Amino acid sequence: YEILSSIPGERLKVRDVLIGTEAEILERSASRSLRQGDIVYAQAWN
């Protein structure tokens, strides 16, 4: 997942680099350190 934008301490907007889907991830910890352009290996749950 590529980080498109972030609100530190709240959420991340991400795009799955492999299939192109986008999502807004509620994430309080990682959103403080991840920056636009970073990529994470992760599993998103709905």
All heavy atoms as atom14 arrays in JSON, in Angstrom:
{
  "sequence": "YEILSSIPGERLKVRDVLIGTEAEILERSASRSLRQGDIVYAQAWN",
  "atom14_mask": [
    [1, 1, 1, 1, 1, 1, 1, 1, 1, 1, 1, 1, 0, 0],
    [1, 1, 1, 1, 1, 1, 1, 1, 1, 0, 0, 0, 0, 0],
    [1, 1, 1, 1, 1, 1, 1, 1, 0, 0, 0, 0, 0, 0],
    [1, 1, 1, 1, 1, 1, 1, 1, 0, 0, 0, 0, 0, 0],
    [1, 1, 1, 1, 1, 1, 0, 0, 0, 0, 0, 0, 0, 0],
    [1, 1, 1, 1, 1, 1, 0, 0, 0, 0, 0, 0, 0, 0],
    [1, 1, 1, 1, 1, 1, 1, 1, 0, 0, 0, 0, 0, 0],
    [1, 1, 1, 1, 1, 1, 1, 0, 0, 0, 0, 0, 0, 0],
    [1, 1, 1, 1, 0, 0, 0, 0, 0, 0, 0, 0, 0, 0],
    [1, 1, 1, 1, 1, 1, 1, 1, 1, 0, 0, 0, 0, 0],
    [1, 1, 1, 1, 1, 1, 1, 1, 1, 1, 1, 0, 0, 0],
    [1, 1, 1, 1, 1, 1, 1, 1, 0, 0, 0, 0, 0, 0],
    [1, 1, 1, 1, 1, 1, 1, 1, 1, 0, 0, 0, 0, 0],
    [1, 1, 1, 1, 1, 1, 1, 0, 0, 0, 0, 0, 0, 0],
    [1, 1, 1, 1, 1, 1, 1, 1, 1, 1, 1, 0, 0, 0],
    [1, 1, 1, 1, 1, 1, 1, 1, 0, 0, 0, 0, 0, 0],
    [1, 1, 1, 1, 1, 1, 1, 0, 0, 0, 0, 0, 0, 0],
    [1, 1, 1, 1, 1, 1, 1, 1, 0, 0, 0, 0, 0, 0],
    [1, 1, 1, 1, 1, 1, 1, 1, 0, 0, 0, 0, 0, 0],
    [1, 1, 1, 1, 0, 0, 0, 0, 0, 0, 0, 0, 0, 0],
    [1, 1, 1, 1, 1, 1, 1, 0, 0, 0, 0, 0, 0, 0],
    [1, 1, 1, 1, 1, 1, 1, 1, 1, 0, 0, 0, 0, 0],
    [1, 1, 1, 1, 1, 0, 0, 0, 0, 0, 0, 0, 0, 0],
    [1, 1, 1, 1, 1, 1, 1, 1, 1, 0, 0, 0, 0, 0],
    [1, 1, 1, 1, 1, 1, 1, 1, 0, 0, 0, 0, 0, 0],
    [1, 1, 1, 1, 1, 1, 1, 1, 0, 0, 0, 0, 0, 0],
    [1, 1, 1, 1, 1, 1, 1, 1, 1, 0, 0, 0, 0, 0],
    [1, 1, 1, 1, 1, 1, 1, 1, 1, 1, 1, 0, 0, 0],
    [1, 1, 1, 1, 1, 1, 0, 0, 0, 0, 0, 0, 0, 0],
    [1, 1, 1, 1, 1, 0, 0, 0, 0, 0, 0, 0, 0, 0],
    [1, 1, 1, 1, 1, 1, 0, 0, 0, 0, 0, 0, 0, 0],
    [1, 1, 1, 1, 1, 1, 1, 1, 1, 1, 1, 0, 0, 0],
    [1, 1, 1, 1, 1, 1, 0, 0, 0, 0, 0, 0, 0, 0],
    [1, 1, 1, 1, 1, 1, 1, 1, 0, 0, 0, 0, 0, 0],
    [1, 1, 1, 1, 1, 1, 1, 1, 1, 1, 1, 0, 0, 0],
    [1, 1, 1, 1, 1, 1, 1, 1, 1, 0, 0, 0, 0, 0],
    [1, 1, 1, 1, 0, 0, 0, 0, 0, 0, 0, 0, 0, 0],
    [1, 1, 1, 1, 1, 1, 1, 1, 0, 0, 0, 0, 0, 0],
    [1, 1, 1, 1, 1, 1, 1, 1, 0, 0, 0, 0, 0, 0],
    [1, 1, 1, 1, 1, 1, 1, 0, 0, 0, 0, 0, 0, 0],
    [1, 1, 1, 1, 1, 1, 1, 1, 1, 1, 1, 1, 0, 0],
    [1, 1, 1, 1, 1, 0, 0, 0, 0, 0, 0, 0, 0, 0],
    [1, 1, 1, 1, 1, 1, 1, 1, 1, 0, 0, 0, 0, 0],
    [1, 1, 1, 1, 1, 0, 0, 0, 0, 0, 0, 0, 0, 0],
    [1, 1, 1, 1, 1, 1, 1, 1, 1, 1, 1, 1, 1, 1],
    [1, 1, 1, 1, 1, 1, 1, 1, 0, 0, 0, 0, 0, 0]
  ],
  "atom14_positions": [
    [[0.84, -1.19, 0.0], [0.0, 0.0, 0.0], [0.87, 1.25, 0.0], [1.73, 1.41, 0.88], [-0.93, 0.01, 1.23], [-1.99, -1.06, 1.17], [-1.78, -2.32, 1.72], [-3.2, -0.8, 0.54], [-2.76, -3.3, 1.65], [-4.19, -1.78, 0.47], [-3.96, -3.03, 1.02], [-4.93, -4.0, 0.95], [0.0, 0.0, 0.0], [0.0, 0.0, 0.0]],
    [[0.63, 2.11, -0.98], [1.35, 3.38, -1.06], [0.59, 4.45, -0.29], [-0.64, 4.55, -0.41], [1.51, 3.81, -2.52], [2.25, 5.12, -2.69], [2.37, 5.53, -4.14], [1.73, 4.88, -5.01], [3.12, 6.48, -4.43], [0.0, 0.0, 0.0], [0.0, 0.0, 0.0], [0.0, 0.0, 0.0], [0.0, 0.0, 0.0], [0.0, 0.0, 0.0]],
    [[1.31, 5.23, 0.5], [0.68, 6.3, 1.27], [0.45, 7.49, 0.36], [1.4, 8.08, -0.17], [1.56, 6.71, 2.47], [1.97, 5.48, 3.29], [0.81, 7.72, 3.34], [0.83, 4.63, 3.8], [0.0, 0.0, 0.0], [0.0, 0.0, 0.0], [0.0, 0.0, 0.0], [0.0, 0.0, 0.0], [0.0, 0.0, 0.0], [0.0, 0.0, 0.0]],
    [[-0.82, 7.86, 0.16], [-1.17, 9.01, -0.66], [-1.22, 10.29, 0.15], [-0.85, 11.36, -0.33], [-2.52, 8.78, -1.36], [-2.6, 7.53, -2.26], [-4.0, 7.41, -2.86], [-1.56, 7.57, -3.36], [0.0, 0.0, 0.0], [0.0, 0.0, 0.0], [0.0, 0.0, 0.0], [0.0, 0.0, 0.0], [0.0, 0.0, 0.0], [0.0, 0.0, 0.0]],
    [[-1.69, 10.18, 1.39], [-1.73, 11.33, 2.3], [-1.97, 10.81, 3.7], [-2.34, 9.63, 3.9], [-2.84, 12.32, 1.9], [-4.11, 11.7, 2.0], [0.0, 0.0, 0.0], [0.0, 0.0, 0.0], [0.0, 0.0, 0.0], [0.0, 0.0, 0.0], [0.0, 0.0, 0.0], [0.0, 0.0, 0.0], [0.0, 0.0, 0.0], [0.0, 0.0, 0.0]],
    [[-1.77, 11.67, 4.68], [-2.0, 11.24, 6.06], [-2.45, 12.41, 6.92], [-2.09, 13.56, 6.66], [-0.72, 10.63, 6.66], [0.26, 11.64, 6.86], [0.0, 0.0, 0.0], [0.0, 0.0, 0.0], [0.0, 0.0, 0.0], [0.0, 0.0, 0.0], [0.0, 0.0, 0.0], [0.0, 0.0, 0.0], [0.0, 0.0, 0.0], [0.0, 0.0, 0.0]],
    [[-3.24, 12.09, 7.9], [-3.54, 13.01, 9.0], [-2.92, 12.37, 10.24], [-3.45, 11.37, 10.76], [-5.05, 13.22, 9.19], [-5.67, 13.82, 7.92], [-5.32, 14.12, 10.38], [-7.18, 14.0, 7.99], [0.0, 0.0, 0.0], [0.0, 0.0, 0.0], [0.0, 0.0, 0.0], [0.0, 0.0, 0.0], [0.0, 0.0, 0.0], [0.0, 0.0, 0.0]],
    [[-1.75, 12.85, 10.68], [-1.03, 12.19, 11.77], [-1.9, 11.98, 13.0], [-2.6, 12.88, 13.46], [0.13, 13.16, 12.06], [0.35, 13.88, 10.77], [-1.02, 14.03, 10.18], [0.0, 0.0, 0.0], [0.0, 0.0, 0.0], [0.0, 0.0, 0.0], [0.0, 0.0, 0.0], [0.0, 0.0, 0.0], [0.0, 0.0, 0.0], [0.0, 0.0, 0.0]],
    [[-1.85, 10.74, 13.49], [-2.63, 10.39, 14.67], [-4.06, 10.01, 14.39], [-4.8, 9.65, 15.3], [0.0, 0.0, 0.0], [0.0, 0.0, 0.0], [0.0, 0.0, 0.0], [0.0, 0.0, 0.0], [0.0, 0.0, 0.0], [0.0, 0.0, 0.0], [0.0, 0.0, 0.0], [0.0, 0.0, 0.0], [0.0, 0.0, 0.0], [0.0, 0.0, 0.0]],
    [[-4.48, 10.06, 13.11], [-5.87, 9.77, 12.77], [-6.02, 8.72, 11.67], [-6.54, 7.64, 11.88], [-6.62, 11.05, 12.37], [-6.91, 11.98, 13.52], [-7.82, 13.12, 13.12], [-8.53, 12.99, 12.09], [-7.82, 14.14, 13.82], [0.0, 0.0, 0.0], [0.0, 0.0, 0.0], [0.0, 0.0, 0.0], [0.0, 0.0, 0.0], [0.0, 0.0, 0.0]],
    [[-5.54, 9.05, 10.45], [-5.85, 8.17, 9.32], [-4.83, 8.32, 8.2], [-4.04, 9.27, 8.17], [-7.25, 8.47, 8.8], [-7.42, 9.85, 8.22], [-8.9, 10.17, 7.96], [-9.63, 10.3, 9.22], [-10.81, 9.72, 9.43], [-11.39, 8.99, 8.5], [-11.42, 9.89, 10.59], [0.0, 0.0, 0.0], [0.0, 0.0, 0.0], [0.0, 0.0, 0.0]],
    [[-4.9, 7.36, 7.28], [-4.06, 7.34, 6.1], [-4.93, 7.12, 4.87], [-5.88, 6.33, 4.93], [-3.04, 6.19, 6.16], [-2.02, 6.18, 7.3], [-1.42, 4.77, 7.42], [-0.92, 7.19, 7.03], [0.0, 0.0, 0.0], [0.0, 0.0, 0.0], [0.0, 0.0, 0.0], [0.0, 0.0, 0.0], [0.0, 0.0, 0.0], [0.0, 0.0, 0.0]],
    [[-4.63, 7.8, 3.78], [-5.23, 7.46, 2.51], [-4.21, 6.65, 1.75], [-3.07, 7.08, 1.57], [-5.62, 8.71, 1.72], [-6.39, 8.37, 0.44], [-6.86, 9.62, -0.29], [-7.65, 9.24, -1.55], [-8.11, 10.44, -2.3], [0.0, 0.0, 0.0], [0.0, 0.0, 0.0], [0.0, 0.0, 0.0], [0.0, 0.0, 0.0], [0.0, 0.0, 0.0]],
    [[-4.59, 5.45, 1.3], [-3.63, 4.53, 0.69], [-4.15, 4.01, -0.65], [-5.36, 4.04, -0.92], [-3.32, 3.34, 1.62], [-2.79, 3.82, 2.96], [-4.55, 2.45, 1.82], [0.0, 0.0, 0.0], [0.0, 0.0, 0.0], [0.0, 0.0, 0.0], [0.0, 0.0, 0.0], [0.0, 0.0, 0.0], [0.0, 0.0, 0.0], [0.0, 0.0, 0.0]],
    [[-3.21, 3.53, -1.46], [-3.56, 2.88, -2.72], [-2.82, 1.57, -2.82], [-1.6, 1.52, -2.58], [-3.19, 3.76, -3.91], [-3.58, 3.17, -5.27], [-3.3, 4.14, -6.39], [-1.88, 4.27, -6.64], [-1.2, 3.52, -7.52], [-1.83, 2.58, -8.21], [0.08, 3.69, -7.69], [0.0, 0.0, 0.0], [0.0, 0.0, 0.0], [0.0, 0.0, 0.0]],
    [[-3.54, 0.49, -3.12], [-2.9, -0.8, -3.34], [-2.13, -0.73, -4.65], [-2.72, -0.58, -5.73], [-3.97, -1.9, -3.4], [-3.38, -3.3, -3.41], [-2.34, -3.49, -4.08], [-3.95, -4.21, -2.79], [0.0, 0.0, 0.0], [0.0, 0.0, 0.0], [0.0, 0.0, 0.0], [0.0, 0.0, 0.0], [0.0, 0.0, 0.0], [0.0, 0.0, 0.0]],
    [[-0.79, -0.81, -4.58], [0.04, -0.65, -5.77], [-0.23, -1.77, -6.78], [-0.1, -1.58, -7.99], [1.54, -0.62, -5.39], [2.42, -0.43, -6.62], [1.81, 0.49, -4.38], [0.0, 0.0, 0.0], [0.0, 0.0, 0.0], [0.0, 0.0, 0.0], [0.0, 0.0, 0.0], [0.0, 0.0, 0.0], [0.0, 0.0, 0.0], [0.0, 0.0, 0.0]],
    [[-0.64, -2.95, -6.31], [-0.8, -4.1, -7.19], [-2.13, -4.1, -7.95], [-2.18, -4.49, -9.11], [-0.65, -5.4, -6.39], [0.71, -5.6, -5.7], [0.74, -6.91, -4.96], [1.84, -5.52, -6.72], [0.0, 0.0, 0.0], [0.0, 0.0, 0.0], [0.0, 0.0, 0.0], [0.0, 0.0, 0.0], [0.0, 0.0, 0.0], [0.0, 0.0, 0.0]],
    [[-3.21, -3.67, -7.3], [-4.51, -3.71, -7.99], [-5.16, -2.34, -8.13], [-6.22, -2.21, -8.74], [-5.49, -4.7, -7.31], [-5.73, -4.33, -5.84], [-4.99, -6.11, -7.42], [-6.75, -5.22, -5.14], [0.0, 0.0, 0.0], [0.0, 0.0, 0.0], [0.0, 0.0, 0.0], [0.0, 0.0, 0.0], [0.0, 0.0, 0.0], [0.0, 0.0, 0.0]],
    [[-4.55, -1.3, -7.55], [-5.0, 0.06, -7.79], [-6.14, 0.57, -6.94], [-6.54, 1.73, -7.09], [0.0, 0.0, 0.0], [0.0, 0.0, 0.0], [0.0, 0.0, 0.0], [0.0, 0.0, 0.0], [0.0, 0.0, 0.0], [0.0, 0.0, 0.0], [0.0, 0.0, 0.0], [0.0, 0.0, 0.0], [0.0, 0.0, 0.0], [0.0, 0.0, 0.0]],
    [[-6.71, -0.24, -6.06], [-7.82, 0.22, -5.23], [-7.32, 1.18, -4.15], [-6.21, 1.04, -3.65], [-8.55, -0.96, -4.56], [-7.59, -1.73, -3.81], [-9.19, -1.86, -5.6], [0.0, 0.0, 0.0], [0.0, 0.0, 0.0], [0.0, 0.0, 0.0], [0.0, 0.0, 0.0], [0.0, 0.0, 0.0], [0.0, 0.0, 0.0], [0.0, 0.0, 0.0]],
    [[-8.16, 2.14, -3.8], [-7.81, 3.11, -2.78], [-8.69, 2.93, -1.55], [-9.82, 2.44, -1.65], [-7.94, 4.54, -3.32], [-6.94, 4.86, -4.42], [-6.99, 6.32, -4.85], [-7.73, 7.11, -4.22], [-6.27, 6.67, -5.8], [0.0, 0.0, 0.0], [0.0, 0.0, 0.0], [0.0, 0.0, 0.0], [0.0, 0.0, 0.0], [0.0, 0.0, 0.0]],
    [[-8.17, 3.32, -0.4], [-8.93, 3.19, 0.85], [-8.45, 4.24, 1.83], [-7.32, 4.73, 1.74], [-8.76, 1.79, 1.44], [0.0, 0.0, 0.0], [0.0, 0.0, 0.0], [0.0, 0.0, 0.0], [0.0, 0.0, 0.0], [0.0, 0.0, 0.0], [0.0, 0.0, 0.0], [0.0, 0.0, 0.0], [0.0, 0.0, 0.0], [0.0, 0.0, 0.0]],
    [[-9.31, 4.55, 2.76], [-8.94, 5.42, 3.88], [-8.84, 4.55, 5.12], [-9.83, 3.95, 5.55], [-9.97, 6.53, 4.07], [-9.46, 7.64, 4.99], [-10.35, 8.86, 4.96], [-11.42, 8.81, 5.59], [-10.0, 9.86, 4.29], [0.0, 0.0, 0.0], [0.0, 0.0, 0.0], [0.0, 0.0, 0.0], [0.0, 0.0, 0.0], [0.0, 0.0, 0.0]],
    [[-7.63, 4.46, 5.66], [-7.35, 3.56, 6.79], [-7.34, 4.34, 8.08], [-6.59, 5.32, 8.23], [-5.98, 2.85, 6.6], [-5.93, 2.11, 5.26], [-5.69, 1.92, 7.76], [-6.83, 0.91, 5.18], [0.0, 0.0, 0.0], [0.0, 0.0, 0.0], [0.0, 0.0, 0.0], [0.0, 0.0, 0.0], [0.0, 0.0, 0.0], [0.0, 0.0, 0.0]],
    [[-8.16, 3.93, 9.02], [-8.13, 4.54, 10.35], [-6.93, 3.94, 11.08], [-6.89, 2.74, 11.34], [-9.43, 4.22, 11.09], [-9.91, 5.27, 12.1], [-10.16, 6.59, 11.39], [-11.19, 4.8, 12.78], [0.0, 0.0, 0.0], [0.0, 0.0, 0.0], [0.0, 0.0, 0.0], [0.0, 0.0, 0.0], [0.0, 0.0, 0.0], [0.0, 0.0, 0.0]],
    [[-5.95, 4.75, 11.36], [-4.7, 4.25, 11.95], [-4.04, 5.37, 12.74], [-3.61, 6.38, 12.19], [-3.75, 3.76, 10.84], [-2.37, 3.4, 11.29], [-2.35, 2.44, 12.45], [-2.96, 1.36, 12.34], [-1.72, 2.76, 13.47], [0.0, 0.0, 0.0], [0.0, 0.0, 0.0], [0.0, 0.0, 0.0], [0.0, 0.0, 0.0], [0.0, 0.0, 0.0]],
    [[-3.96, 5.19, 14.06], [-3.48, 6.26, 14.93], [-1.96, 6.26, 15.09], [-1.34, 7.32, 15.21], [-4.15, 6.15, 16.3], [-5.66, 6.34, 16.24], [-6.3, 6.26, 17.61], [-5.84, 7.29, 18.52], [-6.3, 8.53, 18.53], [-7.21, 8.91, 17.65], [-5.84, 9.41, 19.4], [0.0, 0.0, 0.0], [0.0, 0.0, 0.0], [0.0, 0.0, 0.0]],
    [[-1.34, 5.1, 15.1], [0.1, 5.02, 15.36], [0.93, 5.24, 14.1], [1.73, 6.17, 14.02], [0.43, 3.67, 15.99], [1.82, 3.56, 16.22], [0.0, 0.0, 0.0], [0.0, 0.0, 0.0], [0.0, 0.0, 0.0], [0.0, 0.0, 0.0], [0.0, 0.0, 0.0], [0.0, 0.0, 0.0], [0.0, 0.0, 0.0], [0.0, 0.0, 0.0]],
    [[0.74, 4.38, 13.09], [1.57, 4.46, 11.89], [1.37, 5.78, 11.15], [2.29, 6.26, 10.48], [1.25, 3.3, 10.96], [0.0, 0.0, 0.0], [0.0, 0.0, 0.0], [0.0, 0.0, 0.0], [0.0, 0.0, 0.0], [0.0, 0.0, 0.0], [0.0, 0.0, 0.0], [0.0, 0.0, 0.0], [0.0, 0.0, 0.0], [0.0, 0.0, 0.0]],
    [[0.19, 6.41, 11.28], [-0.06, 7.67, 10.57], [0.83, 8.79, 11.08], [0.97, 9.82, 10.41], [-1.54, 8.07, 10.72], [-1.86, 8.28, 12.09], [0.0, 0.0, 0.0], [0.0, 0.0, 0.0], [0.0, 0.0, 0.0], [0.0, 0.0, 0.0], [0.0, 0.0, 0.0], [0.0, 0.0, 0.0], [0.0, 0.0, 0.0], [0.0, 0.0, 0.0]],
    [[1.46, 8.6, 12.24], [2.35, 9.63, 12.78], [3.74, 9.58, 12.14], [4.47, 10.56, 12.17], [2.49, 9.48, 14.29], [1.21, 9.79, 15.07], [1.47, 9.8, 16.57], [0.31, 10.25, 17.32], [-0.59, 9.43, 17.86], [-0.44, 8.12, 17.71], [-1.61, 9.91, 18.52], [0.0, 0.0, 0.0], [0.0, 0.0, 0.0], [0.0, 0.0, 0.0]],
    [[4.11, 8.43, 11.59], [5.47, 8.29, 11.06], [5.51, 8.09, 9.54], [6.48, 8.48, 8.9], [6.17, 7.1, 11.72], [5.43, 5.9, 11.54], [0.0, 0.0, 0.0], [0.0, 0.0, 0.0], [0.0, 0.0, 0.0], [0.0, 0.0, 0.0], [0.0, 0.0, 0.0], [0.0, 0.0, 0.0], [0.0, 0.0, 0.0], [0.0, 0.0, 0.0]],
    [[4.47, 7.51, 8.96], [4.47, 7.27, 7.52], [4.25, 8.58, 6.75], [3.48, 9.44, 7.2], [3.39, 6.26, 7.14], [3.64, 4.83, 7.62], [2.41, 3.97, 7.36], [4.87, 4.23, 6.95], [0.0, 0.0, 0.0], [0.0, 0.0, 0.0], [0.0, 0.0, 0.0], [0.0, 0.0, 0.0], [0.0, 0.0, 0.0], [0.0, 0.0, 0.0]],
    [[4.94, 8.7, 5.62], [4.84, 9.91, 4.82], [4.36, 9.6, 3.41], [4.44, 8.45, 2.96], [6.21, 10.6, 4.74], [6.72, 11.08, 6.07], [8.09, 11.73, 5.92], [9.14, 10.78, 5.64], [10.39, 11.12, 5.38], [10.74, 12.39, 5.32], [11.3, 10.2, 5.15], [0.0, 0.0, 0.0], [0.0, 0.0, 0.0], [0.0, 0.0, 0.0]],
    [[3.88, 10.62, 2.74], [3.44, 10.46, 1.36], [4.57, 9.86, 0.53], [5.71, 10.31, 0.58], [3.03, 11.81, 0.78], [2.5, 11.73, -0.64], [2.1, 13.09, -1.17], [2.1, 14.07, -0.44], [1.77, 13.16, -2.45], [0.0, 0.0, 0.0], [0.0, 0.0, 0.0], [0.0, 0.0, 0.0], [0.0, 0.0, 0.0], [0.0, 0.0, 0.0]],
    [[4.25, 8.81, -0.22], [5.26, 8.13, -1.03], [5.78, 6.86, -0.41], [6.3, 6.0, -1.11], [0.0, 0.0, 0.0], [0.0, 0.0, 0.0], [0.0, 0.0, 0.0], [0.0, 0.0, 0.0], [0.0, 0.0, 0.0], [0.0, 0.0, 0.0], [0.0, 0.0, 0.0], [0.0, 0.0, 0.0], [0.0, 0.0, 0.0], [0.0, 0.0, 0.0]],
    [[5.7, 6.72, 0.93], [6.1, 5.48, 1.58], [5.18, 4.34, 1.12], [4.03, 4.57, 0.73], [6.01, 5.59, 3.11], [7.17, 6.39, 3.7], [8.22, 6.48, 3.05], [7.01, 6.92, 4.82], [0.0, 0.0, 0.0], [0.0, 0.0, 0.0], [0.0, 0.0, 0.0], [0.0, 0.0, 0.0], [0.0, 0.0, 0.0], [0.0, 0.0, 0.0]],
    [[5.7, 3.13, 1.2], [4.92, 1.93, 0.86], [5.0, 0.97, 2.05], [6.07, 0.81, 2.64], [5.47, 1.25, -0.4], [5.37, 2.2, -1.6], [4.72, -0.05, -0.72], [6.08, 1.7, -2.85], [0.0, 0.0, 0.0], [0.0, 0.0, 0.0], [0.0, 0.0, 0.0], [0.0, 0.0, 0.0], [0.0, 0.0, 0.0], [0.0, 0.0, 0.0]],
    [[3.87, 0.36, 2.4], [3.86, -0.61, 3.5], [3.32, -1.94, 2.99], [2.46, -1.99, 2.1], [3.02, -0.12, 4.7], [3.69, 1.05, 5.39], [1.6, 0.24, 4.29], [0.0, 0.0, 0.0], [0.0, 0.0, 0.0], [0.0, 0.0, 0.0], [0.0, 0.0, 0.0], [0.0, 0.0, 0.0], [0.0, 0.0, 0.0], [0.0, 0.0, 0.0]],
    [[3.86, -3.0, 3.55], [3.38, -4.36, 3.29], [2.38, -4.66, 4.39], [2.74, -4.76, 5.57], [4.57, -5.32, 3.32], [4.22, -6.8, 3.2], [3.69, -7.32, 2.03], [4.47, -7.67, 4.27], [3.4, -8.67, 1.91], [4.2, -9.02, 4.16], [3.65, -9.51, 2.98], [3.37, -10.86, 2.89], [0.0, 0.0, 0.0], [0.0, 0.0, 0.0]],
    [[1.1, -4.74, 4.04], [0.06, -4.79, 5.07], [-1.2, -5.47, 4.54], [-1.34, -5.73, 3.34], [-0.28, -3.36, 5.53], [0.0, 0.0, 0.0], [0.0, 0.0, 0.0], [0.0, 0.0, 0.0], [0.0, 0.0, 0.0], [0.0, 0.0, 0.0], [0.0, 0.0, 0.0], [0.0, 0.0, 0.0], [0.0, 0.0, 0.0], [0.0, 0.0, 0.0]],
    [[-2.12, -5.75, 5.47], [-3.43, -6.3, 5.12], [-4.49, -5.34, 5.63], [-4.52, -5.0, 6.82], [-3.63, -7.68, 5.76], [-4.94, -8.35, 5.34], [-5.13, -9.71, 6.0], [-4.93, -9.86, 7.21], [-5.52, -10.7, 5.22], [0.0, 0.0, 0.0], [0.0, 0.0, 0.0], [0.0, 0.0, 0.0], [0.0, 0.0, 0.0], [0.0, 0.0, 0.0]],
    [[-5.35, -4.86, 4.72], [-6.42, -3.94, 5.09], [-7.71, -4.72, 5.32], [-8.09, -5.57, 4.51], [-6.62, -2.9, 3.99], [0.0, 0.0, 0.0], [0.0, 0.0, 0.0], [0.0, 0.0, 0.0], [0.0, 0.0, 0.0], [0.0, 0.0, 0.0], [0.0, 0.0, 0.0], [0.0, 0.0, 0.0], [0.0, 0.0, 0.0], [0.0, 0.0, 0.0]],
    [[-8.36, -4.44, 6.45], [-9.64, -5.08, 6.78], [-10.77, -4.06, 6.66], [-10.61, -2.89, 7.05], [-9.61, -5.62, 8.2], [-8.7, -6.79, 8.42], [-7.94, -7.43, 7.5], [-8.46, -7.45, 9.67], [-7.24, -8.46, 8.07], [-7.54, -8.5, 9.41], [-8.93, -7.28, 10.97], [-7.07, -9.35, 10.41], [-8.47, -8.12, 11.96], [-7.56, -9.16, 11.69]],
    [[-11.92, -4.5, 6.17], [-13.1, -3.65, 6.07], [-14.08, -4.03, 7.17], [-14.61, -5.14, 7.19], [-13.77, -3.83, 4.69], [-12.82, -3.48, 3.56], [-12.09, -2.51, 3.66], [-12.83, -4.26, 2.49], [0.0, 0.0, 0.0], [0.0, 0.0, 0.0], [0.0, 0.0, 0.0], [0.0, 0.0, 0.0], [0.0, 0.0, 0.0], [0.0, 0.0, 0.0]]
  ]
}
